Amino acid sequence: MLQISALQLAELLAGIGRAQAALVQGLENELAGVRSGRVIPALQNVAHLRDHPEPTLVDLPVRVFLASMGRVGPDPATIARDLERLISGKVTAPATREEAAAASAPPAAPAAAPAAAPAAAPAADGGDALDFSKPA
C-alpha cells in the first residue's frame, strides 16, 4: 500500500489549488468581475472563514485554493503542519500567518536583519492592538 507523507500531500494540495486558480484566472480574463463578484465570495463561504478560524480537515483544501489565488500562494510546509495537526487529532498550535510568511519568504541577507528589528518595537509600546495582520 502506498504511504504518502504530510508534506507530499501538502504539495499535492498546493498543486491542485494552483490548477484551480488558473481556471478562475481564465474565467476572469473572459468575464471581468467573475472572480471578485462570484467565485471569491462563494469560496469564502465554503471555507467557513468566519465560523472556524482554525481550518478543519474539510475546510483545508478550500483554504489552500483561496491562498493559491493570492499573490504569494500556499506554503507546503504550513499546509503539512496543519494536516498533521488535523489528522493526528492532537491539539497543537496551528501554523500562524507569521510562520507561513517566514517559511515562504526567501532567506534574508545578513544586512537585512537589523532593518527588521525596528518593526518589532511598536509591539512593545502597545501598538500591537492596531496590527490587523495578526489573527485576533
N, C-alpha and C. Protein backbone atom coordinates (compact mmCIF):
# COMPACT_ATOMS: atom_id res chain seq x y z
N MET A 1 0.84 -1.18 0.00
CA MET A 1 0.00 0.00 0.00
C MET A 1 0.89 1.24 0.00
N LEU A 2 0.51 2.20 -0.77
CA LEU A 2 1.26 3.44 -0.87
C LEU A 2 1.03 4.29 0.36
N GLN A 3 2.12 4.78 0.93
CA GLN A 3 2.01 5.70 2.06
C GLN A 3 2.60 7.04 1.64
N ILE A 4 1.84 8.07 1.89
CA ILE A 4 2.24 9.41 1.48
C ILE A 4 2.47 10.24 2.74
N SER A 5 3.51 11.04 2.72
CA SER A 5 3.80 11.88 3.89
C SER A 5 2.91 13.11 3.88
N ALA A 6 2.88 13.79 5.00
CA ALA A 6 2.07 15.01 5.10
C ALA A 6 2.59 16.08 4.14
N LEU A 7 3.91 16.16 3.98
CA LEU A 7 4.48 17.17 3.08
C LEU A 7 4.14 16.84 1.63
N GLN A 8 4.16 15.56 1.26
CA GLN A 8 3.79 15.19 -0.10
C GLN A 8 2.32 15.51 -0.37
N LEU A 9 1.47 15.22 0.60
CA LEU A 9 0.05 15.54 0.45
C LEU A 9 -0.15 17.05 0.38
N ALA A 10 0.61 17.80 1.16
CA ALA A 10 0.52 19.26 1.13
C ALA A 10 0.94 19.80 -0.23
N GLU A 11 2.00 19.24 -0.80
CA GLU A 11 2.44 19.68 -2.13
C GLU A 11 1.39 19.34 -3.19
N LEU A 12 0.75 18.18 -3.03
CA LEU A 12 -0.31 17.80 -3.96
C LEU A 12 -1.50 18.77 -3.85
N LEU A 13 -1.89 19.10 -2.62
CA LEU A 13 -2.98 20.07 -2.43
C LEU A 13 -2.62 21.44 -3.00
N ALA A 14 -1.37 21.86 -2.82
CA ALA A 14 -0.94 23.16 -3.37
C ALA A 14 -0.98 23.14 -4.89
N GLY A 15 -0.59 22.02 -5.51
CA GLY A 15 -0.64 21.91 -6.97
C GLY A 15 -2.06 21.93 -7.49
N ILE A 16 -2.95 21.23 -6.82
CA ILE A 16 -4.36 21.24 -7.21
C ILE A 16 -4.94 22.65 -7.06
N GLY A 17 -4.58 23.32 -5.97
CA GLY A 17 -5.04 24.69 -5.77
C GLY A 17 -4.55 25.63 -6.86
N ARG A 18 -3.29 25.42 -7.30
CA ARG A 18 -2.74 26.25 -8.38
C ARG A 18 -3.49 26.02 -9.69
N ALA A 19 -3.82 24.76 -9.97
CA ALA A 19 -4.56 24.45 -11.20
C ALA A 19 -5.96 25.08 -11.16
N GLN A 20 -6.61 25.00 -10.01
CA GLN A 20 -7.93 25.61 -9.87
C GLN A 20 -7.84 27.13 -10.00
N ALA A 21 -6.81 27.72 -9.44
CA ALA A 21 -6.63 29.17 -9.54
C ALA A 21 -6.42 29.59 -11.00
N ALA A 22 -5.73 28.75 -11.78
CA ALA A 22 -5.53 29.06 -13.20
C ALA A 22 -6.86 29.05 -13.95
N LEU A 23 -7.74 28.14 -13.59
CA LEU A 23 -9.07 28.13 -14.21
C LEU A 23 -9.86 29.38 -13.88
N VAL A 24 -9.80 29.81 -12.63
CA VAL A 24 -10.50 31.03 -12.23
C VAL A 24 -9.90 32.23 -12.95
N GLN A 25 -8.59 32.25 -13.11
CA GLN A 25 -7.94 33.36 -13.83
C GLN A 25 -8.40 33.38 -15.29
N GLY A 26 -8.54 32.21 -15.89
CA GLY A 26 -9.04 32.14 -17.26
C GLY A 26 -10.46 32.67 -17.36
N LEU A 27 -11.30 32.33 -16.40
CA LEU A 27 -12.66 32.87 -16.38
C LEU A 27 -12.65 34.38 -16.20
N GLU A 28 -11.78 34.87 -15.34
CA GLU A 28 -11.68 36.31 -15.09
C GLU A 28 -11.26 37.05 -16.36
N ASN A 29 -10.38 36.44 -17.14
CA ASN A 29 -9.94 37.08 -18.39
C ASN A 29 -11.08 37.20 -19.39
N GLU A 30 -12.00 36.25 -19.38
CA GLU A 30 -13.12 36.27 -20.31
C GLU A 30 -14.34 37.02 -19.77
N LEU A 31 -14.58 36.89 -18.48
CA LEU A 31 -15.75 37.51 -17.85
C LEU A 31 -15.27 38.39 -16.71
N ALA A 32 -15.04 39.64 -16.99
CA ALA A 32 -14.49 40.56 -15.98
C ALA A 32 -15.41 40.63 -14.76
N GLY A 33 -14.81 40.51 -13.59
CA GLY A 33 -15.53 40.63 -12.35
C GLY A 33 -16.05 39.33 -11.77
N VAL A 34 -15.93 38.23 -12.51
CA VAL A 34 -16.46 36.96 -12.01
C VAL A 34 -15.66 36.48 -10.80
N ARG A 35 -14.38 36.78 -10.77
CA ARG A 35 -13.53 36.32 -9.65
C ARG A 35 -13.95 36.97 -8.34
N SER A 36 -14.00 38.30 -8.34
CA SER A 36 -14.31 39.02 -7.10
C SER A 36 -15.81 39.06 -6.81
N GLY A 37 -16.64 38.95 -7.83
CA GLY A 37 -18.07 39.06 -7.63
C GLY A 37 -18.77 37.75 -7.34
N ARG A 38 -18.24 36.65 -7.87
CA ARG A 38 -18.92 35.36 -7.72
C ARG A 38 -18.05 34.29 -7.05
N VAL A 39 -16.84 34.12 -7.56
CA VAL A 39 -16.01 32.99 -7.11
C VAL A 39 -15.49 33.17 -5.70
N ILE A 40 -14.87 34.30 -5.41
CA ILE A 40 -14.27 34.53 -4.09
C ILE A 40 -15.33 34.48 -2.98
N PRO A 41 -16.47 35.17 -3.10
CA PRO A 41 -17.47 35.07 -2.03
C PRO A 41 -17.97 33.64 -1.81
N ALA A 42 -18.16 32.89 -2.88
CA ALA A 42 -18.61 31.50 -2.73
C ALA A 42 -17.56 30.65 -2.02
N LEU A 43 -16.30 30.84 -2.39
CA LEU A 43 -15.22 30.08 -1.74
C LEU A 43 -15.07 30.45 -0.28
N GLN A 44 -15.19 31.73 0.03
CA GLN A 44 -15.08 32.15 1.43
C GLN A 44 -16.21 31.55 2.27
N ASN A 45 -17.38 31.43 1.67
CA ASN A 45 -18.50 30.83 2.37
C ASN A 45 -18.24 29.34 2.62
N VAL A 46 -17.74 28.64 1.61
CA VAL A 46 -17.48 27.20 1.73
C VAL A 46 -16.31 26.94 2.69
N ALA A 47 -15.34 27.85 2.75
CA ALA A 47 -14.16 27.65 3.60
C ALA A 47 -14.45 27.91 5.07
N HIS A 48 -15.62 28.41 5.40
CA HIS A 48 -16.00 28.70 6.79
C HIS A 48 -14.98 29.62 7.46
N LEU A 49 -14.56 30.66 6.77
CA LEU A 49 -13.55 31.56 7.32
C LEU A 49 -14.03 32.26 8.58
N ARG A 50 -15.30 32.60 8.64
CA ARG A 50 -15.82 33.31 9.81
C ARG A 50 -16.24 32.35 10.91
N ASP A 51 -16.72 31.18 10.53
CA ASP A 51 -17.21 30.21 11.51
C ASP A 51 -16.07 29.50 12.25
N HIS A 52 -15.05 29.12 11.51
CA HIS A 52 -13.92 28.37 12.07
C HIS A 52 -12.62 29.09 11.78
N PRO A 53 -12.08 29.85 12.73
CA PRO A 53 -10.80 30.50 12.46
C PRO A 53 -9.68 29.48 12.21
N GLU A 54 -9.77 28.32 12.85
CA GLU A 54 -8.82 27.25 12.63
C GLU A 54 -9.40 26.35 11.54
N PRO A 55 -8.63 26.02 10.50
CA PRO A 55 -9.19 25.18 9.45
C PRO A 55 -9.47 23.76 9.94
N THR A 56 -10.60 23.21 9.49
CA THR A 56 -10.89 21.82 9.74
C THR A 56 -10.39 21.03 8.54
N LEU A 57 -10.44 19.72 8.62
CA LEU A 57 -9.95 18.90 7.52
C LEU A 57 -10.78 19.12 6.26
N VAL A 58 -12.05 19.42 6.42
CA VAL A 58 -12.91 19.69 5.27
C VAL A 58 -12.62 21.07 4.68
N ASP A 59 -12.30 22.03 5.52
CA ASP A 59 -12.06 23.40 5.08
C ASP A 59 -10.68 23.60 4.45
N LEU A 60 -9.72 22.77 4.81
CA LEU A 60 -8.33 22.99 4.41
C LEU A 60 -8.14 23.06 2.89
N PRO A 61 -8.69 22.15 2.08
CA PRO A 61 -8.48 22.27 0.63
C PRO A 61 -9.02 23.57 0.04
N VAL A 62 -10.15 24.03 0.55
CA VAL A 62 -10.72 25.29 0.03
C VAL A 62 -9.83 26.46 0.42
N ARG A 63 -9.28 26.42 1.63
CA ARG A 63 -8.39 27.50 2.07
C ARG A 63 -7.08 27.48 1.28
N VAL A 64 -6.62 26.30 0.89
CA VAL A 64 -5.43 26.20 0.03
C VAL A 64 -5.75 26.81 -1.33
N PHE A 65 -6.93 26.54 -1.84
CA PHE A 65 -7.36 27.12 -3.12
C PHE A 65 -7.42 28.64 -3.03
N LEU A 66 -8.00 29.17 -1.95
CA LEU A 66 -8.06 30.62 -1.77
C LEU A 66 -6.65 31.21 -1.70
N ALA A 67 -5.75 30.53 -1.00
CA ALA A 67 -4.38 31.02 -0.91
C ALA A 67 -3.69 30.97 -2.27
N SER A 68 -4.05 30.00 -3.10
CA SER A 68 -3.46 29.88 -4.43
C SER A 68 -3.85 31.04 -5.33
N MET A 69 -4.98 31.65 -5.05
CA MET A 69 -5.43 32.76 -5.87
C MET A 69 -4.81 34.08 -5.42
N GLY A 70 -4.07 34.06 -4.32
CA GLY A 70 -3.40 35.27 -3.85
C GLY A 70 -2.07 35.47 -4.56
N ARG A 71 -1.36 36.50 -4.16
CA ARG A 71 -0.07 36.82 -4.79
C ARG A 71 1.03 35.85 -4.40
N VAL A 72 1.02 35.41 -3.15
CA VAL A 72 2.13 34.58 -2.66
C VAL A 72 1.88 33.10 -2.89
N GLY A 73 0.69 32.64 -2.70
CA GLY A 73 0.39 31.22 -2.83
C GLY A 73 0.61 30.48 -1.53
N PRO A 74 0.11 29.26 -1.46
CA PRO A 74 0.22 28.49 -0.22
C PRO A 74 1.62 27.95 0.01
N ASP A 75 1.98 27.76 1.26
CA ASP A 75 3.27 27.21 1.64
C ASP A 75 3.07 25.74 2.01
N PRO A 76 3.72 24.81 1.29
CA PRO A 76 3.52 23.39 1.59
C PRO A 76 3.90 23.00 3.02
N ALA A 77 4.89 23.64 3.60
CA ALA A 77 5.29 23.32 4.98
C ALA A 77 4.18 23.69 5.96
N THR A 78 3.53 24.80 5.74
CA THR A 78 2.42 25.23 6.59
C THR A 78 1.22 24.30 6.42
N ILE A 79 0.95 23.92 5.18
CA ILE A 79 -0.15 23.00 4.92
C ILE A 79 0.13 21.66 5.58
N ALA A 80 1.37 21.19 5.48
CA ALA A 80 1.75 19.91 6.09
C ALA A 80 1.57 19.96 7.60
N ARG A 81 1.93 21.06 8.21
CA ARG A 81 1.77 21.19 9.66
C ARG A 81 0.29 21.15 10.04
N ASP A 82 -0.54 21.85 9.28
CA ASP A 82 -1.98 21.82 9.55
C ASP A 82 -2.55 20.43 9.31
N LEU A 83 -2.09 19.74 8.27
CA LEU A 83 -2.54 18.37 8.02
C LEU A 83 -2.18 17.44 9.17
N GLU A 84 -0.95 17.53 9.63
CA GLU A 84 -0.52 16.68 10.74
C GLU A 84 -1.35 16.96 11.99
N ARG A 85 -1.63 18.23 12.24
CA ARG A 85 -2.44 18.60 13.40
C ARG A 85 -3.85 18.05 13.27
N LEU A 86 -4.42 18.16 12.09
CA LEU A 86 -5.80 17.73 11.89
C LEU A 86 -5.95 16.20 11.88
N ILE A 87 -5.01 15.52 11.27
CA ILE A 87 -5.12 14.07 11.16
C ILE A 87 -4.76 13.37 12.46
N SER A 88 -3.78 13.91 13.18
CA SER A 88 -3.36 13.28 14.43
C SER A 88 -4.40 13.44 15.53
N GLY A 89 -5.20 14.49 15.44
CA GLY A 89 -6.20 14.74 16.47
C GLY A 89 -5.63 15.42 17.70
N LYS A 90 -4.34 15.70 17.70
CA LYS A 90 -3.73 16.39 18.83
C LYS A 90 -4.07 17.86 18.77
N VAL A 91 -4.18 18.46 19.93
CA VAL A 91 -4.45 19.89 19.99
C VAL A 91 -3.10 20.58 20.07
N THR A 92 -2.64 21.04 18.93
CA THR A 92 -1.39 21.80 18.86
C THR A 92 -1.69 23.12 18.19
N ALA A 93 -0.77 24.02 18.32
CA ALA A 93 -0.96 25.33 17.71
C ALA A 93 -0.89 25.21 16.19
N PRO A 94 -1.87 25.75 15.47
CA PRO A 94 -1.80 25.71 14.02
C PRO A 94 -0.73 26.66 13.52
N ALA A 95 -0.33 26.49 12.30
CA ALA A 95 0.65 27.38 11.71
C ALA A 95 0.05 28.78 11.62
N THR A 96 0.78 29.76 12.10
CA THR A 96 0.29 31.13 12.08
C THR A 96 0.64 31.79 10.76
N ARG A 97 0.05 32.93 10.51
CA ARG A 97 0.36 33.65 9.28
C ARG A 97 1.82 34.11 9.27
N GLU A 98 2.33 34.46 10.45
CA GLU A 98 3.72 34.89 10.52
C GLU A 98 4.66 33.73 10.18
N GLU A 99 4.33 32.53 10.65
CA GLU A 99 5.14 31.36 10.33
C GLU A 99 5.03 31.03 8.85
N ALA A 100 3.85 31.19 8.30
CA ALA A 100 3.68 30.93 6.87
C ALA A 100 4.47 31.93 6.05
N ALA A 101 4.44 33.20 6.46
CA ALA A 101 5.19 34.22 5.73
C ALA A 101 6.69 33.97 5.85
N ALA A 102 7.14 33.57 7.05
CA ALA A 102 8.56 33.31 7.24
C ALA A 102 9.01 32.08 6.45
N ALA A 103 8.14 31.08 6.35
CA ALA A 103 8.50 29.87 5.63
C ALA A 103 8.53 30.08 4.12
N SER A 104 7.68 30.97 3.62
CA SER A 104 7.61 31.18 2.18
C SER A 104 8.51 32.31 1.71
N ALA A 105 9.04 33.11 2.63
CA ALA A 105 9.90 34.22 2.24
C ALA A 105 11.29 33.70 1.88
N PRO A 106 11.96 34.34 0.91
CA PRO A 106 13.32 33.93 0.60
C PRO A 106 14.24 34.26 1.76
N PRO A 107 15.34 33.53 1.90
CA PRO A 107 16.25 33.80 3.02
C PRO A 107 16.79 35.23 2.93
N ALA A 108 16.75 35.91 4.07
CA ALA A 108 17.19 37.31 4.11
C ALA A 108 18.70 37.38 4.20
N ALA A 109 19.25 38.42 3.61
CA ALA A 109 20.69 38.66 3.69
C ALA A 109 21.03 39.14 5.10
N PRO A 110 22.24 38.92 5.59
CA PRO A 110 22.59 39.36 6.94
C PRO A 110 22.41 40.86 7.15
N ALA A 111 22.56 41.66 6.11
CA ALA A 111 22.41 43.11 6.26
C ALA A 111 20.95 43.49 6.48
N ALA A 112 20.01 42.64 6.06
CA ALA A 112 18.59 42.96 6.20
C ALA A 112 18.08 42.69 7.62
N ALA A 113 18.79 41.94 8.41
CA ALA A 113 18.34 41.59 9.75
C ALA A 113 18.17 42.82 10.65
N PRO A 114 19.10 43.78 10.70
CA PRO A 114 18.88 44.94 11.57
C PRO A 114 17.70 45.79 11.11
N ALA A 115 17.37 45.77 9.83
CA ALA A 115 16.25 46.58 9.36
C ALA A 115 14.93 46.03 9.89
N ALA A 116 14.86 44.74 10.16
CA ALA A 116 13.62 44.15 10.64
C ALA A 116 13.42 44.41 12.14
N ALA A 117 14.46 44.72 12.87
CA ALA A 117 14.36 44.92 14.31
C ALA A 117 13.47 46.11 14.69
N PRO A 118 13.51 47.27 14.03
CA PRO A 118 12.64 48.38 14.43
C PRO A 118 11.16 48.06 14.26
N ALA A 119 10.80 47.13 13.39
CA ALA A 119 9.39 46.81 13.19
C ALA A 119 8.80 46.16 14.44
N ALA A 120 9.63 45.52 15.24
CA ALA A 120 9.13 44.87 16.45
C ALA A 120 8.95 45.86 17.60
N ALA A 121 9.53 47.02 17.50
CA ALA A 121 9.46 47.99 18.59
C ALA A 121 8.04 48.47 18.89
N PRO A 122 7.17 48.75 17.90
CA PRO A 122 5.83 49.21 18.24
C PRO A 122 5.02 48.19 19.04
N ALA A 123 5.31 46.91 18.88
CA ALA A 123 4.56 45.90 19.63
C ALA A 123 4.82 46.04 21.12
N ALA A 124 6.03 46.42 21.50
CA ALA A 124 6.34 46.60 22.91
C ALA A 124 5.67 47.84 23.48
N ASP A 125 5.37 48.80 22.61
CA ASP A 125 4.75 50.04 23.07
C ASP A 125 3.23 49.92 23.15
N GLY A 126 2.67 48.77 22.85
CA GLY A 126 1.22 48.63 22.87
C GLY A 126 0.60 48.89 21.51
N GLY A 127 1.40 49.13 20.48
CA GLY A 127 0.89 49.34 19.14
C GLY A 127 0.42 48.05 18.50
N ASP A 128 0.58 46.94 19.20
CA ASP A 128 0.17 45.64 18.68
C ASP A 128 -1.35 45.56 18.52
N ALA A 129 -2.09 46.35 19.28
CA ALA A 129 -3.54 46.31 19.21
C ALA A 129 -4.06 46.82 17.86
N LEU A 130 -3.26 47.61 17.17
CA LEU A 130 -3.68 48.15 15.88
C LEU A 130 -3.14 47.36 14.71
N ASP A 131 -2.42 46.28 14.96
CA ASP A 131 -1.86 45.46 13.89
C ASP A 131 -2.93 44.46 13.44
N PHE A 132 -3.58 44.74 12.31
CA PHE A 132 -4.67 43.91 11.83
C PHE A 132 -4.19 42.73 11.01
N SER A 133 -2.88 42.61 10.80
CA SER A 133 -2.35 41.47 10.05
C SER A 133 -2.27 40.23 10.91
N LYS A 134 -2.34 40.38 12.25
CA LYS A 134 -2.27 39.23 13.14
C LYS A 134 -3.68 38.74 13.44
N PRO A 135 -3.84 37.39 13.58
CA PRO A 135 -5.16 36.88 13.92
C PRO A 135 -5.58 37.32 15.33
N ALA A 136 -6.85 37.52 15.50
CA ALA A 136 -7.36 38.00 16.79
C ALA A 136 -7.30 36.95 17.85
